[in-house]
Amino acid sequence: MFFVLIILIKLLSAAPFRSHHSGSSASISPYPYHPPLSHQPSACLISFVFPGGIAGGIEICITFPTEYVKTQLQLDEKANPPKYRGIGDCVKQTVQSHGIKGLYRGLSSLLYGSIPKSAVRFGVFEFLSNHAKDESGRLDSTKGLLCGLGAGVMEAVLVVCPMETVKVKFIHDQTSANPKYKGFFHGVREIIRAQGLKGTYQGLTATVLKQGSNQAIRFFVMTSLKNWYKGDNPNRAINPLVTGTFGAIAGAASVFGNTPLDVIKTRMQGLEAHKYKSTFDCAVKILRYEGLAAFYKGTVPRLGRVCLDVAIVFIIYEEVVKALNMVWKTE
């Protein structure tokens, strides 16, 4: 996967590297200005990890119930037969059996991964975009897509795949008659003890495809919308509500673009992943036994979660960075 990153850097290096200290501040990027990593390492570490961690943590706490419902519907295969008749029935049964807190089972696995995931995503994107901007500091939509692809692939390999595997197994386990995982750390320990470290990397190919396409689509849409909004004035300020709206649009585009990959990824990471020989075999079996519509299971709850997710992350991230820049001078 690092080979992919190197290839992207080579492709993007065709655009002259722009130093943020060259006198121009006309950067048109989905994220606010950051000094190069080599210039302010400590400040940049905070500007990537701290705002991203805060944004990710708040977003997950707000939207996790929709992620829980989405995962349950995707795991609810027709061959079982299905336990739930739809979104409302899934919520109703969960609340009746476990109370409101039942909609937050598996939350810890995402909370523990939010900070490193955000650090990798924002760090890789900023690193690649610094190589992709033209002499005026403009990041065009196509290069924004490539930068997002690189960020998505790296976060998938380093953070998202093990985090999502644990989350899916934990949620799946909690729906069984006799759950065997007593908590997040106990679940991780049991998974590694039974399956080794590779047990936390099930569905890696599907996860890389999903995260890579996710971030490629989102950054492409965000870059396009921001470039359109700013027009000939690259310094034009963007209201947080506008940023949130652009983020929601980008999130919706990614949902409709890669929900089939999300369904395959969820199946490959569930407790019954042994039924599938590979990512391709999983896709073939879903199509053969459940039909094309099965690839879009959980689309509605995922759409709600992702639109909120991307909108919240973009708004909070940019606002926290602005606040940090007021108290922590990076120039």
C-alpha atoms as a PDB file:
ATOM      1  CA  MET A   1       0.000   0.000   0.000  1.00  0.00           C
ATOM      2  CA  PHE A   2       2.967   2.300   0.546  1.00  0.00           C
ATOM      3  CA  PHE A   3       3.779   1.550  -3.099  1.00  0.00           C
ATOM      4  CA  VAL A   4       0.404   3.081  -4.014  1.00  0.00           C
ATOM      5  CA  LEU A   5       1.326   6.200  -2.020  1.00  0.00           C
ATOM      6  CA  ILE A   6       4.673   6.486  -3.830  1.00  0.00           C
ATOM      7  CA  ILE A   7       2.945   6.199  -7.224  1.00  0.00           C
ATOM      8  CA  LEU A   8       0.474   8.930  -6.263  1.00  0.00           C
ATOM      9  CA  ILE A   9       3.315  11.212  -5.170  1.00  0.00           C
ATOM     10  CA  LYS A  10       5.042  10.640  -8.510  1.00  0.00           C
ATOM     11  CA  LEU A  11       1.848  11.442 -10.413  1.00  0.00           C
ATOM     12  CA  LEU A  12       1.090  14.513  -8.352  1.00  0.00           C
ATOM     13  CA  SER A  13       4.666  15.759  -8.459  1.00  0.00           C
ATOM     14  CA  ALA A  14       4.045  16.751 -12.069  1.00  0.00           C
ATOM     15  CA  ALA A  15       2.542  19.886 -10.512  1.00  0.00           C
ATOM     16  CA  PRO A  16       5.176  22.252  -9.063  1.00  0.00           C
ATOM     17  CA  PHE A  17       5.514  21.958  -5.321  1.00  0.00           C
ATOM     18  CA  ARG A  18       4.328  25.086  -3.619  1.00  0.00           C
ATOM     19  CA  SER A  19       5.739  26.333  -0.383  1.00  0.00           C
ATOM     20  CA  HIS A  20       3.157  28.037   1.773  1.00  0.00           C
ATOM     21  CA  HIS A  21       5.786  30.609   2.629  1.00  0.00           C
ATOM     22  CA  SER A  22       6.258  31.761  -0.939  1.00  0.00           C
ATOM     23  CA  GLY A  23       4.022  34.755  -0.399  1.00  0.00           C
ATOM     24  CA  SER A  24       0.836  33.363  -1.928  1.00  0.00           C
ATOM     25  CA  SER A  25      -2.022  32.164   0.226  1.00  0.00           C
ATOM     26  CA  ALA A  26      -4.420  31.286  -2.582  1.00  0.00           C
ATOM     27  CA  SER A  27      -4.722  27.644  -1.597  1.00  0.00           C
ATOM     28  CA  ILE A  28      -8.015  26.137  -2.642  1.00  0.00           C
ATOM     29  CA  SER A  29      -8.170  22.902  -0.680  1.00  0.00           C
ATOM     30  CA  PRO A  30     -10.967  21.130   1.167  1.00  0.00           C
ATOM     31  CA  TYR A  31      -9.125  21.984   4.360  1.00  0.00           C
ATOM     32  CA  PRO A  32      -7.813  25.240   5.819  1.00  0.00           C
ATOM     33  CA  TYR A  33      -4.210  26.334   5.594  1.00  0.00           C
ATOM     34  CA  HIS A  34      -1.523  24.268   7.344  1.00  0.00           C
ATOM     35  CA  PRO A  35       2.207  24.973   7.229  1.00  0.00           C
ATOM     36  CA  PRO A  36       4.317  22.182   5.696  1.00  0.00           C
ATOM     37  CA  LEU A  37       5.128  19.324   8.049  1.00  0.00           C
ATOM     38  CA  SER A  38       8.832  20.041   7.804  1.00  0.00           C
ATOM     39  CA  HIS A  39       8.376  23.628   8.963  1.00  0.00           C
ATOM     40  CA  GLN A  40       6.184  23.227  12.047  1.00  0.00           C
ATOM     41  CA  PRO A  41       6.172  19.545  13.087  1.00  0.00           C
ATOM     42  CA  SER A  42       4.671  20.009  16.560  1.00  0.00           C
ATOM     43  CA  ALA A  43       2.033  22.494  15.450  1.00  0.00           C
ATOM     44  CA  CYS A  44       1.090  20.339  12.466  1.00  0.00           C
ATOM     45  CA  LEU A  45       0.807  17.238  14.645  1.00  0.00           C
ATOM     46  CA  ILE A  46      -1.788  19.048  16.720  1.00  0.00           C
ATOM     47  CA  SER A  47      -3.516  20.562  13.669  1.00  0.00           C
ATOM     48  CA  PHE A  48      -3.966  17.075  12.159  1.00  0.00           C
ATOM     49  CA  VAL A  49      -4.631  14.858  15.186  1.00  0.00           C
ATOM     50  CA  PHE A  50      -6.392  17.108  17.695  1.00  0.00           C
ATOM     51  CA  PRO A  51      -9.074  18.683  15.453  1.00  0.00           C
ATOM     52  CA  GLY A  52      -9.615  15.433  13.586  1.00  0.00           C
ATOM     53  CA  GLY A  53      -9.960  13.472  16.815  1.00  0.00           C
ATOM     54  CA  ILE A  54     -12.458  15.946  18.253  1.00  0.00           C
ATOM     55  CA  ALA A  55     -14.487  16.007  15.037  1.00  0.00           C
ATOM     56  CA  GLY A  56     -14.427  12.230  14.684  1.00  0.00           C
ATOM     57  CA  GLY A  57     -15.408  11.603  18.305  1.00  0.00           C
ATOM     58  CA  ILE A  58     -18.358  14.010  18.245  1.00  0.00           C
ATOM     59  CA  GLU A  59     -19.524  12.753  14.861  1.00  0.00           C
ATOM     60  CA  ILE A  60     -19.448   9.101  15.943  1.00  0.00           C
ATOM     61  CA  CYS A  61     -21.403   9.762  19.145  1.00  0.00           C
ATOM     62  CA  ILE A  62     -24.101  11.583  17.165  1.00  0.00           C
ATOM     63  CA  THR A  63     -24.419   9.219  14.240  1.00  0.00           C
ATOM     64  CA  PHE A  64     -23.498   5.764  15.592  1.00  0.00           C
ATOM     65  CA  PRO A  65     -27.110   4.513  15.962  1.00  0.00           C
ATOM     66  CA  THR A  66     -27.525   4.787  12.190  1.00  0.00           C
ATOM     67  CA  GLU A  67     -24.250   2.886  11.715  1.00  0.00           C
ATOM     68  CA  TYR A  68     -25.498   0.196  14.098  1.00  0.00           C
ATOM     69  CA  VAL A  69     -28.793  -0.189  12.209  1.00  0.00           C
ATOM     70  CA  LYS A  70     -27.001  -0.201   8.849  1.00  0.00           C
ATOM     71  CA  THR A  71     -24.643  -2.958   9.991  1.00  0.00           C
ATOM     72  CA  GLN A  72     -27.498  -5.035  11.411  1.00  0.00           C
ATOM     73  CA  LEU A  73     -29.473  -4.837   8.161  1.00  0.00           C
ATOM     74  CA  GLN A  74     -26.423  -5.798   6.103  1.00  0.00           C
ATOM     75  CA  LEU A  75     -25.724  -8.797   8.349  1.00  0.00           C
ATOM     76  CA  ASP A  76     -29.384  -9.858   8.214  1.00  0.00           C
ATOM     77  CA  GLU A  77     -29.115 -12.202   5.275  1.00  0.00           C
ATOM     78  CA  LYS A  78     -32.182 -13.544   3.489  1.00  0.00           C
ATOM     79  CA  ALA A  79     -31.069 -17.142   4.022  1.00  0.00           C
ATOM     80  CA  ASN A  80     -31.498 -16.872   7.796  1.00  0.00           C
ATOM     81  CA  PRO A  81     -34.494 -15.838   7.232  1.00  0.00           C
ATOM     82  CA  PRO A  82     -34.323 -12.085   7.905  1.00  0.00           C
ATOM     83  CA  LYS A  83     -34.825 -11.014  11.507  1.00  0.00           C
ATOM     84  CA  TYR A  84     -35.768  -7.426  10.690  1.00  0.00           C
ATOM     85  CA  ARG A  85     -38.482  -6.115   8.371  1.00  0.00           C
ATOM     86  CA  GLY A  86     -36.757  -2.769   7.875  1.00  0.00           C
ATOM     87  CA  ILE A  87     -35.098   0.174   9.598  1.00  0.00           C
ATOM     88  CA  GLY A  88     -37.962   0.925  11.971  1.00  0.00           C
ATOM     89  CA  ASP A  89     -38.334  -2.717  12.987  1.00  0.00           C
ATOM     90  CA  CYS A  90     -34.600  -3.018  13.645  1.00  0.00           C
ATOM     91  CA  VAL A  91     -34.668   0.040  15.917  1.00  0.00           C
ATOM     92  CA  LYS A  92     -37.830  -1.182  17.656  1.00  0.00           C
ATOM     93  CA  GLN A  93     -36.482  -4.667  18.381  1.00  0.00           C
ATOM     94  CA  THR A  94     -33.134  -3.329  19.578  1.00  0.00           C
ATOM     95  CA  VAL A  95     -34.696  -0.808  21.974  1.00  0.00           C
ATOM     96  CA  GLN A  96     -37.197  -3.379  23.279  1.00  0.00           C
ATOM     97  CA  SER A  97     -34.437  -5.888  23.993  1.00  0.00           C
ATOM     98  CA  HIS A  98     -31.617  -3.650  25.206  1.00  0.00           C
ATOM     99  CA  GLY A  99     -33.012  -0.149  25.694  1.00  0.00           C
ATOM    100  CA  ILE A 100     -31.733   2.987  23.967  1.00  0.00           C
ATOM    101  CA  LYS A 101     -28.151   2.104  24.882  1.00  0.00           C
ATOM    102  CA  GLY A 102     -28.528  -0.978  22.682  1.00  0.00           C
ATOM    103  CA  LEU A 103     -28.186   1.291  19.650  1.00  0.00           C
ATOM    104  CA  TYR A 104     -24.687   2.180  20.874  1.00  0.00           C
ATOM    105  CA  ARG A 105     -23.278  -1.339  21.158  1.00  0.00           C
ATOM    106  CA  GLY A 106     -19.925  -1.444  19.372  1.00  0.00           C
ATOM    107  CA  LEU A 107     -19.401   2.318  19.748  1.00  0.00           C
ATOM    108  CA  SER A 108     -16.140   1.897  21.651  1.00  0.00           C
ATOM    109  CA  SER A 109     -14.386   0.218  18.720  1.00  0.00           C
ATOM    110  CA  LEU A 110     -14.990   3.311  16.559  1.00  0.00           C
ATOM    111  CA  LEU A 111     -14.154   5.806  19.307  1.00  0.00           C
ATOM    112  CA  TYR A 112     -10.786   4.155  19.940  1.00  0.00           C
ATOM    113  CA  GLY A 113      -9.946   4.371  16.248  1.00  0.00           C
ATOM    114  CA  SER A 114     -11.202   7.885  15.487  1.00  0.00           C
ATOM    115  CA  ILE A 115      -8.035   9.802  16.391  1.00  0.00           C
ATOM    116  CA  PRO A 116      -5.514   7.675  14.439  1.00  0.00           C
ATOM    117  CA  LYS A 117      -7.928   7.420  11.502  1.00  0.00           C
ATOM    118  CA  SER A 118      -8.317  11.186  11.344  1.00  0.00           C
ATOM    119  CA  ALA A 119      -4.575  11.687  11.743  1.00  0.00           C
ATOM    120  CA  VAL A 120      -3.794   9.382   8.818  1.00  0.00           C
ATOM    121  CA  ARG A 121      -6.563  10.790   6.607  1.00  0.00           C
ATOM    122  CA  PHE A 122      -5.785  14.473   7.112  1.00  0.00           C
ATOM    123  CA  GLY A 123      -2.028  13.955   7.268  1.00  0.00           C
ATOM    124  CA  VAL A 124      -1.790  11.960   4.025  1.00  0.00           C
ATOM    125  CA  PHE A 125      -4.204  14.261   2.226  1.00  0.00           C
ATOM    126  CA  GLU A 126      -2.285  17.397   3.231  1.00  0.00           C
ATOM    127  CA  PHE A 127       1.018  15.745   2.327  1.00  0.00           C
ATOM    128  CA  LEU A 128      -0.200  14.722  -1.124  1.00  0.00           C
ATOM    129  CA  SER A 129      -2.073  17.966  -1.808  1.00  0.00           C
ATOM    130  CA  ASN A 130       1.092  19.974  -1.091  1.00  0.00           C
ATOM    131  CA  HIS A 131       2.650  18.129  -4.045  1.00  0.00           C
ATOM    132  CA  ALA A 132      -0.424  18.554  -6.214  1.00  0.00           C
ATOM    133  CA  LYS A 133      -1.167  22.303  -6.049  1.00  0.00           C
ATOM    134  CA  ASP A 134      -0.147  24.483  -8.964  1.00  0.00           C
ATOM    135  CA  GLU A 135       2.046  27.589  -8.726  1.00  0.00           C
ATOM    136  CA  SER A 136      -0.869  29.704  -7.492  1.00  0.00           C
ATOM    137  CA  GLY A 137      -1.719  27.177  -4.799  1.00  0.00           C
ATOM    138  CA  ARG A 138      -4.832  25.873  -6.522  1.00  0.00           C
ATOM    139  CA  LEU A 139      -5.800  22.228  -6.114  1.00  0.00           C
ATOM    140  CA  ASP A 140      -7.900  21.087  -9.053  1.00  0.00           C
ATOM    141  CA  SER A 141     -10.669  18.528  -8.725  1.00  0.00           C
ATOM    142  CA  THR A 142      -8.860  15.637 -10.433  1.00  0.00           C
ATOM    143  CA  LYS A 143      -5.814  15.939  -8.193  1.00  0.00           C
ATOM    144  CA  GLY A 144      -8.131  16.337  -5.214  1.00  0.00           C
ATOM    145  CA  LEU A 145      -9.600  12.960  -6.175  1.00  0.00           C
ATOM    146  CA  LEU A 146      -6.137  11.356  -6.331  1.00  0.00           C
ATOM    147  CA  CYS A 147      -5.131  12.868  -2.980  1.00  0.00           C
ATOM    148  CA  GLY A 148      -8.342  11.573  -1.448  1.00  0.00           C
ATOM    149  CA  LEU A 149      -7.696   8.131  -2.934  1.00  0.00           C
ATOM    150  CA  GLY A 150      -4.249   8.020  -1.340  1.00  0.00           C
ATOM    151  CA  ALA A 151      -5.619   9.149   2.026  1.00  0.00           C
ATOM    152  CA  GLY A 152      -8.392   6.548   1.869  1.00  0.00           C
ATOM    153  CA  VAL A 153      -6.074   3.668   1.009  1.00  0.00           C
ATOM    154  CA  MET A 154      -3.645   4.521   3.807  1.00  0.00           C
ATOM    155  CA  GLU A 155      -6.326   4.948   6.472  1.00  0.00           C
ATOM    156  CA  ALA A 156      -7.877   1.636   5.362  1.00  0.00           C
ATOM    157  CA  VAL A 157      -4.645  -0.294   5.817  1.00  0.00           C
ATOM    158  CA  LEU A 158      -3.366   1.354   8.980  1.00  0.00           C
ATOM    159  CA  VAL A 159      -6.560   1.947  10.953  1.00  0.00           C
ATOM    160  CA  VAL A 160      -9.958   1.326   9.367  1.00  0.00           C
ATOM    161  CA  CYS A 161      -9.709  -2.378   8.488  1.00  0.00           C
ATOM    162  CA  PRO A 162      -8.803  -3.648  11.988  1.00  0.00           C
ATOM    163  CA  MET A 163     -11.172  -1.142  13.601  1.00  0.00           C
ATOM    164  CA  GLU A 164     -14.098  -2.050  11.341  1.00  0.00           C
ATOM    165  CA  THR A 165     -13.450  -5.791  11.665  1.00  0.00           C
ATOM    166  CA  VAL A 166     -13.648  -5.553  15.459  1.00  0.00           C
ATOM    167  CA  LYS A 167     -16.748  -3.325  15.239  1.00  0.00           C
ATOM    168  CA  VAL A 168     -18.625  -5.658  12.894  1.00  0.00           C
ATOM    169  CA  LYS A 169     -17.704  -8.775  14.889  1.00  0.00           C
ATOM    170  CA  PHE A 170     -18.690  -7.038  18.131  1.00  0.00           C
ATOM    171  CA  ILE A 171     -22.083  -5.909  16.787  1.00  0.00           C
ATOM    172  CA  HIS A 172     -22.697  -9.323  15.206  1.00  0.00           C
ATOM    173  CA  ASP A 173     -21.751 -11.079  18.447  1.00  0.00           C
ATOM    174  CA  GLN A 174     -24.092  -8.911  20.529  1.00  0.00           C
ATOM    175  CA  THR A 175     -27.067 -10.104  18.465  1.00  0.00           C
ATOM    176  CA  SER A 176     -26.396 -13.769  19.224  1.00  0.00           C
ATOM    177  CA  ALA A 177     -28.212 -15.627  22.013  1.00  0.00           C
ATOM    178  CA  ASN A 178     -25.044 -15.930  24.112  1.00  0.00           C
ATOM    179  CA  PRO A 179     -22.592 -13.092  23.352  1.00  0.00           C
ATOM    180  CA  LYS A 180     -18.998 -14.153  23.944  1.00  0.00           C
ATOM    181  CA  TYR A 181     -17.349 -10.726  23.925  1.00  0.00           C
ATOM    182  CA  LYS A 182     -17.618  -8.908  27.264  1.00  0.00           C
ATOM    183  CA  GLY A 183     -16.256  -5.620  25.955  1.00  0.00           C
ATOM    184  CA  PHE A 184     -14.024  -4.014  23.353  1.00  0.00           C
ATOM    185  CA  PHE A 185     -10.637  -5.101  24.730  1.00  0.00           C
ATOM    186  CA  HIS A 186     -11.915  -8.549  25.637  1.00  0.00           C
ATOM    187  CA  GLY A 187     -13.287  -8.879  22.104  1.00  0.00           C
ATOM    188  CA  VAL A 188      -9.971  -7.839  20.517  1.00  0.00           C
ATOM    189  CA  ARG A 189      -8.091 -10.283  22.754  1.00  0.00           C
ATOM    190  CA  GLU A 190     -10.430 -13.153  21.886  1.00  0.00           C
ATOM    191  CA  ILE A 191     -10.316 -12.436  18.151  1.00  0.00           C
ATOM    192  CA  ILE A 192      -6.500 -12.361  18.126  1.00  0.00           C
ATOM    193  CA  ARG A 193      -6.289 -15.449  20.351  1.00  0.00           C
ATOM    194  CA  ALA A 194      -8.597 -17.439  18.078  1.00  0.00           C
ATOM    195  CA  GLN A 195      -7.590 -16.123  14.648  1.00  0.00           C
ATOM    196  CA  GLY A 196      -4.276 -14.366  15.121  1.00  0.00           C
ATOM    197  CA  LEU A 197      -3.557 -10.797  14.048  1.00  0.00           C
ATOM    198  CA  LYS A 198      -4.951 -11.584  10.595  1.00  0.00           C
ATOM    199  CA  GLY A 199      -8.324 -11.991  12.295  1.00  0.00           C
ATOM    200  CA  THR A 200      -8.475  -8.216  12.577  1.00  0.00           C
ATOM    201  CA  TYR A 201      -7.685  -7.800   8.879  1.00  0.00           C
ATOM    202  CA  GLN A 202     -10.563  -9.707   7.338  1.00  0.00           C
ATOM    203  CA  GLY A 203     -12.005  -8.018   4.282  1.00  0.00           C
ATOM    204  CA  LEU A 204      -8.885  -5.892   3.714  1.00  0.00           C
ATOM    205  CA  THR A 205      -9.356  -5.745  -0.063  1.00  0.00           C
ATOM    206  CA  ALA A 206     -12.987  -4.669   0.253  1.00  0.00           C
ATOM    207  CA  THR A 207     -12.043  -2.130   2.937  1.00  0.00           C
ATOM    208  CA  VAL A 208      -9.277  -0.612   0.795  1.00  0.00           C
ATOM    209  CA  LEU A 209     -11.666  -0.383  -2.162  1.00  0.00           C
ATOM    210  CA  LYS A 210     -14.376   1.137   0.016  1.00  0.00           C
ATOM    211  CA  GLN A 211     -12.193   3.689   1.829  1.00  0.00           C
ATOM    212  CA  GLY A 212     -10.202   4.583  -1.269  1.00  0.00           C
ATOM    213  CA  SER A 213     -13.353   5.242  -3.300  1.00  0.00           C
ATOM    214  CA  ASN A 214     -14.986   6.960  -0.303  1.00  0.00           C
ATOM    215  CA  GLN A 215     -12.286   9.570   0.134  1.00  0.00           C
ATOM    216  CA  ALA A 216     -11.660   9.933  -3.607  1.00  0.00           C
ATOM    217  CA  ILE A 217     -15.333  10.770  -4.202  1.00  0.00           C
ATOM    218  CA  ARG A 218     -15.650  13.024  -1.144  1.00  0.00           C
ATOM    219  CA  PHE A 219     -12.514  15.048  -1.788  1.00  0.00           C
ATOM    220  CA  PHE A 220     -13.354  15.337  -5.481  1.00  0.00           C
ATOM    221  CA  VAL A 221     -16.816  16.712  -4.682  1.00  0.00           C
ATOM    222  CA  MET A 222     -15.575  18.976  -1.879  1.00  0.00           C
ATOM    223  CA  THR A 223     -12.737  20.376  -3.977  1.00  0.00           C
ATOM    224  CA  SER A 224     -15.075  20.958  -6.926  1.00  0.00           C
ATOM    225  CA  LEU A 225     -17.725  22.688  -4.803  1.00  0.00           C
ATOM    226  CA  LYS A 226     -15.214  24.875  -2.962  1.00  0.00           C
ATOM    227  CA  ASN A 227     -13.474  25.893  -6.163  1.00  0.00           C
ATOM    228  CA  TRP A 228     -16.868  26.748  -7.669  1.00  0.00           C
ATOM    229  CA  TYR A 229     -17.935  28.718  -4.578  1.00  0.00           C
ATOM    230  CA  LYS A 230     -14.716  30.720  -4.341  1.00  0.00           C
ATOM    231  CA  GLY A 231     -14.585  31.416  -8.069  1.00  0.00           C
ATOM    232  CA  ASP A 232     -11.916  33.991  -8.888  1.00  0.00           C
ATOM    233  CA  ASN A 233     -11.461  34.923  -5.227  1.00  0.00           C
ATOM    234  CA  PRO A 234      -9.473  32.126  -3.566  1.00  0.00           C
ATOM    235  CA  ASN A 235      -9.466  34.023  -0.254  1.00  0.00           C
ATOM    236  CA  ARG A 236     -13.261  34.128  -0.001  1.00  0.00           C
ATOM    237  CA  ALA A 237     -14.366  32.888   3.424  1.00  0.00           C
ATOM    238  CA  ILE A 238     -16.810  30.010   3.571  1.00  0.00           C
ATOM    239  CA  ASN A 239     -19.578  29.979   6.180  1.00  0.00           C
ATOM    240  CA  PRO A 240     -19.649  26.807   8.331  1.00  0.00           C
ATOM    241  CA  LEU A 241     -23.201  26.092   7.153  1.00  0.00           C
ATOM    242  CA  VAL A 242     -22.013  26.191   3.535  1.00  0.00           C
ATOM    243  CA  THR A 243     -19.119  23.891   4.448  1.00  0.00           C
ATOM    244  CA  GLY A 244     -21.566  21.505   6.107  1.00  0.00           C
ATOM    245  CA  THR A 245     -23.847  21.539   3.071  1.00  0.00           C
ATOM    246  CA  PHE A 246     -20.936  20.771   0.755  1.00  0.00           C
ATOM    247  CA  GLY A 247     -19.859  17.985   3.131  1.00  0.00           C
ATOM    248  CA  ALA A 248     -23.347  16.452   3.136  1.00  0.00           C
ATOM    249  CA  ILE A 249     -23.418  16.482  -0.682  1.00  0.00           C
ATOM    250  CA  ALA A 250     -19.978  14.859  -0.798  1.00  0.00           C
ATOM    251  CA  GLY A 251     -21.097  12.235   1.706  1.00  0.00           C
ATOM    252  CA  ALA A 252     -24.250  11.417  -0.264  1.00  0.00           C
ATOM    253  CA  ALA A 253     -22.217  11.036  -3.460  1.00  0.00           C
ATOM    254  CA  SER A 254     -19.883   8.552  -1.756  1.00  0.00           C
ATOM    255  CA  VAL A 255     -22.813   6.509  -0.407  1.00  0.00           C
ATOM    256  CA  PHE A 256     -24.459   6.036  -3.792  1.00  0.00           C
ATOM    257  CA  GLY A 257     -21.056   5.404  -5.339  1.00  0.00           C
ATOM    258  CA  ASN A 258     -19.800   2.625  -3.080  1.00  0.00           C
ATOM    259  CA  THR A 259     -22.544   1.067  -0.929  1.00  0.00           C
ATOM    260  CA  PRO A 260     -22.071  -2.311  -2.733  1.00  0.00           C
ATOM    261  CA  LEU A 261     -18.447  -2.319  -1.530  1.00  0.00           C
ATOM    262  CA  ASP A 262     -19.632  -1.484   1.974  1.00  0.00           C
ATOM    263  CA  VAL A 263     -22.037  -4.446   1.965  1.00  0.00           C
ATOM    264  CA  ILE A 264     -19.284  -6.806   0.784  1.00  0.00           C
ATOM    265  CA  LYS A 265     -16.870  -5.425   3.378  1.00  0.00           C
ATOM    266  CA  THR A 266     -19.412  -5.940   6.173  1.00  0.00           C
ATOM    267  CA  ARG A 267     -20.042  -9.554   5.140  1.00  0.00           C
ATOM    268  CA  MET A 268     -16.304 -10.264   4.904  1.00  0.00           C
ATOM    269  CA  GLN A 269     -15.770  -8.956   8.437  1.00  0.00           C
ATOM    270  CA  GLY A 270     -18.779 -10.625  10.109  1.00  0.00           C
ATOM    271  CA  LEU A 271     -18.702 -13.748  12.263  1.00  0.00           C
ATOM    272  CA  GLU A 272     -19.722 -15.835   9.222  1.00  0.00           C
ATOM    273  CA  ALA A 273     -16.928 -14.548   6.976  1.00  0.00           C
ATOM    274  CA  HIS A 274     -15.622 -18.132   6.698  1.00  0.00           C
ATOM    275  CA  LYS A 275     -18.409 -18.819   4.191  1.00  0.00           C
ATOM    276  CA  TYR A 276     -16.584 -16.703   1.599  1.00  0.00           C
ATOM    277  CA  LYS A 277     -13.333 -17.693  -0.091  1.00  0.00           C
ATOM    278  CA  SER A 278     -12.495 -14.137  -1.168  1.00  0.00           C
ATOM    279  CA  THR A 279     -13.954 -10.680  -1.752  1.00  0.00           C
ATOM    280  CA  PHE A 280     -14.954 -11.719  -5.281  1.00  0.00           C
ATOM    281  CA  ASP A 281     -16.552 -14.936  -4.017  1.00  0.00           C
ATOM    282  CA  CYS A 282     -18.540 -12.918  -1.480  1.00  0.00           C
ATOM    283  CA  ALA A 283     -19.834 -10.609  -4.222  1.00  0.00           C
ATOM    284  CA  VAL A 284     -20.782 -13.554  -6.435  1.00  0.00           C
ATOM    285  CA  LYS A 285     -22.665 -15.355  -3.653  1.00  0.00           C
ATOM    286  CA  ILE A 286     -24.582 -12.226  -2.635  1.00  0.00           C
ATOM    287  CA  LEU A 287     -25.622 -11.677  -6.251  1.00  0.00           C
ATOM    288  CA  ARG A 288     -26.523 -15.346  -6.798  1.00  0.00           C
ATOM    289  CA  TYR A 289     -28.520 -15.978  -3.632  1.00  0.00           C
ATOM    290  CA  GLU A 290     -29.900 -12.554  -2.747  1.00  0.00           C
ATOM    291  CA  GLY A 291     -30.043 -10.582  -5.950  1.00  0.00           C
ATOM    292  CA  LEU A 292     -28.730  -7.193  -7.023  1.00  0.00           C
ATOM    293  CA  ALA A 293     -30.832  -5.309  -4.460  1.00  0.00           C
ATOM    294  CA  ALA A 294     -28.834  -6.927  -1.636  1.00  0.00           C
ATOM    295  CA  PHE A 295     -25.838  -4.770  -2.585  1.00  0.00           C
ATOM    296  CA  TYR A 296     -27.797  -1.734  -1.467  1.00  0.00           C
ATOM    297  CA  LYS A 297     -28.929  -3.044   1.915  1.00  0.00           C
ATOM    298  CA  GLY A 298     -28.596  -0.403   4.600  1.00  0.00           C
ATOM    299  CA  THR A 299     -28.368   2.431   2.064  1.00  0.00           C
ATOM    300  CA  VAL A 300     -30.915   4.661   3.805  1.00  0.00           C
ATOM    301  CA  PRO A 301     -29.414   4.493   7.331  1.00  0.00           C
ATOM    302  CA  ARG A 302     -25.926   4.750   5.846  1.00  0.00           C
ATOM    303  CA  LEU A 303     -26.978   7.792   3.823  1.00  0.00           C
ATOM    304  CA  GLY A 304     -28.200   9.551   6.950  1.00  0.00           C
ATOM    305  CA  ARG A 305     -25.088   8.692   8.916  1.00  0.00           C
ATOM    306  CA  VAL A 306     -22.566   9.562   6.205  1.00  0.00           C
ATOM    307  CA  CYS A 307     -24.158  12.903   5.307  1.00  0.00           C
ATOM    308  CA  LEU A 308     -24.079  13.898   8.983  1.00  0.00           C
ATOM    309  CA  ASP A 309     -20.614  12.387   9.350  1.00  0.00           C
ATOM    310  CA  VAL A 310     -18.946  14.312   6.536  1.00  0.00           C
ATOM    311  CA  ALA A 311     -20.799  17.567   7.262  1.00  0.00           C
ATOM    312  CA  ILE A 312     -19.903  17.466  10.982  1.00  0.00           C
ATOM    313  CA  VAL A 313     -16.286  16.470  10.414  1.00  0.00           C
ATOM    314  CA  PHE A 314     -15.658  19.233   7.882  1.00  0.00           C
ATOM    315  CA  ILE A 315     -17.314  21.901  10.031  1.00  0.00           C
ATOM    316  CA  ILE A 316     -15.703  20.930  13.345  1.00  0.00           C
ATOM    317  CA  TYR A 317     -12.296  20.260  11.811  1.00  0.00           C
ATOM    318  CA  GLU A 318     -12.092  23.647  10.129  1.00  0.00           C
ATOM    319  CA  GLU A 319     -13.463  25.519  13.159  1.00  0.00           C
ATOM    320  CA  VAL A 320     -11.066  23.809  15.581  1.00  0.00           C
ATOM    321  CA  VAL A 321      -8.133  24.551  13.272  1.00  0.00           C
ATOM    322  CA  LYS A 322      -9.189  28.205  13.112  1.00  0.00           C
ATOM    323  CA  ALA A 323      -9.340  28.319  16.920  1.00  0.00           C
ATOM    324  CA  LEU A 324      -5.930  26.664  17.228  1.00  0.00           C
ATOM    325  CA  ASN A 325      -4.424  29.121  14.756  1.00  0.00           C
ATOM    326  CA  MET A 326      -5.604  31.976  16.991  1.00  0.00           C
ATOM    327  CA  VAL A 327      -3.861  30.619  20.099  1.00  0.00           C
ATOM    328  CA  TRP A 328      -1.003  28.696  18.453  1.00  0.00           C
ATOM    329  CA  LYS A 329       0.833  30.828  15.929  1.00  0.00           C
ATOM    330  CA  THR A 330       2.107  28.527  13.202  1.00  0.00           C
ATOM    331  CA  GLU A 331       3.795  31.124  11.035  1.00  0.00           C
END
